[in-house]
Protein backbone atom coordinates (compact mmCIF):
# COMPACT_ATOMS: atom_id res chain seq x y z
CA MET A 1 83.02 -43.23 -16.71
CA SER A 2 84.56 -39.94 -16.24
CA ASN A 3 87.25 -39.12 -13.82
CA GLU A 4 85.80 -35.93 -12.70
CA THR A 5 85.57 -35.46 -9.01
CA PRO A 6 82.33 -34.18 -7.70
CA ASN A 7 82.41 -30.59 -6.64
CA PRO A 8 80.94 -30.45 -3.17
CA ALA A 9 80.35 -26.65 -3.37
CA ALA A 10 78.19 -27.02 -6.46
CA ALA A 11 76.15 -29.71 -4.89
CA ASP A 12 75.53 -27.49 -1.87
CA GLU A 13 74.33 -24.65 -4.18
CA VAL A 14 71.86 -26.94 -5.93
CA LEU A 15 70.55 -28.24 -2.60
CA ALA A 16 70.27 -24.71 -1.22
CA ALA A 17 68.41 -23.41 -4.36
CA ALA A 18 65.82 -26.23 -4.23
CA PRO A 19 64.17 -25.17 -0.96
CA GLU A 20 64.04 -21.49 -2.06
CA ALA A 21 62.20 -22.50 -5.23
CA ALA A 22 59.89 -24.73 -3.28
CA GLN A 23 59.29 -21.87 -0.79
CA GLN A 24 58.48 -19.46 -3.66
CA GLU A 25 56.08 -21.98 -5.21
CA ASN A 26 54.43 -22.64 -1.87
CA SER A 27 54.20 -18.89 -1.25
CA GLN A 28 52.51 -18.36 -4.64
CA GLN A 29 50.10 -21.22 -3.96
CA SER A 30 49.37 -19.77 -0.56
CA ASP A 31 48.76 -16.31 -2.05
CA SER A 32 46.31 -17.68 -4.63
CA ALA A 33 44.50 -19.80 -2.04
CA THR A 34 44.23 -16.74 0.21
CA LYS A 35 42.73 -14.69 -2.64
CA GLU A 36 40.29 -17.50 -3.45
CA LEU A 37 39.23 -17.70 0.16
CA GLN A 38 38.94 -13.89 0.37
CA ALA A 39 36.66 -13.85 -2.73
CA ALA A 40 34.56 -16.72 -1.32
CA LEU A 41 34.20 -14.80 1.97
CA GLU A 42 33.14 -11.60 0.24
CA GLU A 43 30.59 -13.57 -1.88
CA ALA A 44 29.21 -15.19 1.27
CA ASN A 45 28.99 -11.88 3.05
CA GLY A 46 27.10 -10.43 0.04
CA ARG A 47 24.63 -13.29 0.06
CA ALA A 48 24.12 -12.94 3.82
CA LEU A 49 23.48 -9.17 3.53
CA LYS A 50 21.07 -9.78 0.66
CA ALA A 51 19.19 -12.46 2.76
CA ILE A 52 19.00 -10.06 5.69
CA ALA A 53 17.58 -7.31 3.47
CA GLU A 54 15.00 -9.72 1.91
CA LEU A 55 13.94 -10.82 5.37
CA ASP A 56 13.56 -7.26 6.54
CA ASN A 57 11.44 -6.39 3.48
CA TYR A 58 9.30 -9.47 4.07
CA ARG A 59 8.69 -8.42 7.65
CA LYS A 60 7.73 -4.91 6.57
CA ARG A 61 5.38 -6.17 3.91
CA VAL A 62 3.67 -8.62 6.32
CA ARG A 63 3.30 -5.91 8.94
CA ARG A 64 1.78 -3.55 6.40
CA GLU A 65 -0.64 -6.28 5.22
CA LEU A 66 -1.72 -7.04 8.82
CA GLU A 67 -2.32 -3.40 9.50
CA ASP A 68 -4.43 -3.07 6.35
CA GLU A 69 -6.46 -6.19 7.32
CA ARG A 70 -7.14 -4.74 10.73
CA LYS A 71 -7.87 -1.29 9.34
CA TYR A 72 -10.39 -2.51 6.71
CA ALA A 73 -11.87 -5.49 8.59
CA PRO A 74 -15.22 -3.64 9.15
CA LEU A 75 -15.65 -3.10 5.42
CA PRO A 76 -18.22 -5.92 4.88
CA LEU A 77 -20.28 -4.81 7.92
CA VAL A 78 -20.28 -1.16 6.74
CA SER A 79 -21.34 -2.24 3.25
CA ASP A 80 -24.29 -4.20 4.69
CA LEU A 81 -25.35 -1.26 6.90
CA LEU A 82 -25.52 1.22 4.00
CA SER A 83 -28.89 -0.06 2.80
CA SER A 84 -30.37 0.57 6.28
CA ILE A 85 -28.94 4.06 6.30
CA ASP A 86 -30.44 4.68 2.85
CA ASN A 87 -33.83 3.55 4.05
CA LEU A 88 -33.68 5.76 7.10
CA ASP A 89 -32.65 8.69 4.88
CA ARG A 90 -35.57 8.03 2.57
CA ALA A 91 -37.95 7.82 5.54
CA VAL A 92 -36.72 11.18 6.86
CA ASN A 93 -37.01 12.84 3.41
CA SER A 94 -40.43 11.42 2.57
CA VAL A 95 -42.25 12.36 5.69
CA ALA A 96 -43.91 15.73 5.70
CA GLU A 97 -43.23 17.64 8.84
CA ASN A 98 -46.51 18.16 10.73
CA GLU A 99 -47.63 17.70 14.25
CA ALA A 100 -49.14 14.24 13.64
CA ASN A 101 -45.82 12.53 12.71
CA LYS A 102 -43.32 14.87 14.42
CA GLY A 103 -42.50 12.35 17.16
CA LEU A 104 -41.96 9.52 14.69
CA LEU A 105 -39.85 11.73 12.43
CA ASP A 106 -37.74 12.88 15.37
CA GLY A 107 -37.20 9.27 16.45
CA VAL A 108 -36.13 8.14 12.93
CA LYS A 109 -33.73 11.16 12.71
CA MET A 110 -32.24 10.16 16.11
CA VAL A 111 -31.69 6.58 15.04
CA LEU A 112 -30.11 7.73 11.74
CA GLY A 113 -27.91 10.19 13.60
CA GLN A 114 -26.76 7.47 16.07
CA LEU A 115 -25.93 5.08 13.23
CA ILE A 116 -23.94 7.77 11.38
CA SER A 117 -22.17 8.76 14.61
CA THR A 118 -21.24 5.14 15.31
CA LEU A 119 -19.82 4.74 11.82
CA GLU A 120 -17.78 7.94 12.23
CA LYS A 121 -16.26 6.63 15.50
CA HIS A 122 -14.87 3.82 13.40
CA ASN A 123 -13.45 6.07 10.74
CA CYS A 124 -16.32 5.63 8.27
CA ARG A 125 -17.64 8.96 7.03
CA ARG A 126 -20.02 10.30 4.40
CA ILE A 127 -18.54 11.61 1.23
CA GLN A 128 -19.23 15.33 0.87
CA THR A 129 -21.35 16.42 -2.12
CA ASP A 130 -22.75 19.83 -1.22
CA GLY A 131 -21.05 22.56 -3.31
CA GLN A 132 -18.43 20.02 -4.51
CA GLN A 133 -16.88 19.57 -7.92
CA PHE A 134 -17.57 16.11 -9.40
CA ASP A 135 -14.72 13.70 -8.54
CA PRO A 136 -14.92 10.35 -10.30
CA HIS A 137 -12.84 8.77 -7.44
CA VAL A 138 -15.56 9.36 -4.86
CA HIS A 139 -18.70 10.28 -6.87
CA GLU A 140 -20.78 8.34 -9.36
CA ALA A 141 -22.68 10.48 -11.82
CA ILE A 142 -26.10 8.97 -12.52
CA ALA A 143 -27.53 11.97 -14.44
CA GLN A 144 -26.71 15.31 -15.88
CA GLU A 145 -28.88 18.34 -15.43
CA PRO A 146 -28.79 21.80 -17.05
CA SER A 147 -28.07 24.21 -14.25
CA ASP A 148 -26.88 27.74 -13.49
CA LEU A 149 -24.02 26.08 -11.55
CA GLU A 150 -20.65 25.74 -13.20
CA PRO A 151 -20.48 22.61 -15.37
CA GLY A 152 -19.10 19.66 -13.37
CA MET A 153 -20.54 20.85 -10.08
CA ILE A 154 -22.85 18.52 -8.16
CA VAL A 155 -26.46 19.62 -8.36
CA ARG A 156 -27.94 16.96 -6.05
CA GLU A 157 -27.11 13.91 -4.09
CA VAL A 158 -29.27 10.93 -4.94
CA ALA A 159 -27.61 8.42 -2.52
CA SER A 160 -24.95 9.03 0.13
CA GLY A 161 -21.49 7.70 -0.40
CA PHE A 162 -19.16 6.49 2.37
CA MET A 163 -15.43 6.08 2.91
CA LEU A 164 -13.70 3.79 5.39
CA HIS A 165 -10.42 5.49 6.25
CA ASP A 166 -9.15 6.33 2.73
CA ARG A 167 -11.04 3.60 0.83
CA VAL A 168 -14.37 4.23 -0.87
CA VAL A 169 -17.03 1.81 0.44
CA ARG A 170 -19.65 3.16 -1.94
CA PRO A 171 -19.36 6.25 -4.18
CA ALA A 172 -21.93 9.05 -3.66
CA ARG A 173 -24.51 8.90 -6.47
CA VAL A 174 -25.05 12.39 -7.82
CA THR A 175 -26.56 14.50 -10.54
CA VAL A 176 -23.91 16.75 -12.24
CA ALA A 177 -24.48 20.19 -13.71
CA VAL A 178 -24.09 20.84 -17.42
CA ALA A 179 -24.35 24.20 -19.21
CA LYS A 180 -27.93 25.30 -19.99
CA PRO A 181 -28.73 25.17 -23.74
CA GLU A 182 -28.71 28.57 -25.26
CA SER A 183 -32.19 29.83 -26.13
CA ASN A 184 -32.66 31.93 -29.26
């Protein structure tokens, strides 16, 4: 054993330094925990914002799909009516105008006009062909014919085409002009 007497001042310094070191360690742990919590919070906020944006996009897509369903719901009915319209058109075009069948022809024209008018009320309209350039999006070329018209112009409509809003129900069937062959 040694005969040294304990120095009370040195013991006080050691005891005083221990809490400061513990405080610094606790402070560092607290700072790292705060940073971890902050990062977790930012990540959770990011996920929440992403989920909100996805939900908003889903609502918009569903709303758009419902509007399209309502808008184009009459499409099957319009398609079924087109054969009746074609038959009425053929009847009007095939009957020679004379006094004997004038009343019948006028009646068929009136029914055809009412049917076309009703379709137009519901945003279904005929596709224009008179004096038009051939457009493969709305016209179907079923024949080509040498003509004095510019090549690609529509010479004649064989069957009417119809559009419901901006969607083609049936393309107009047409004959398209081609250049006349040169004669020698």
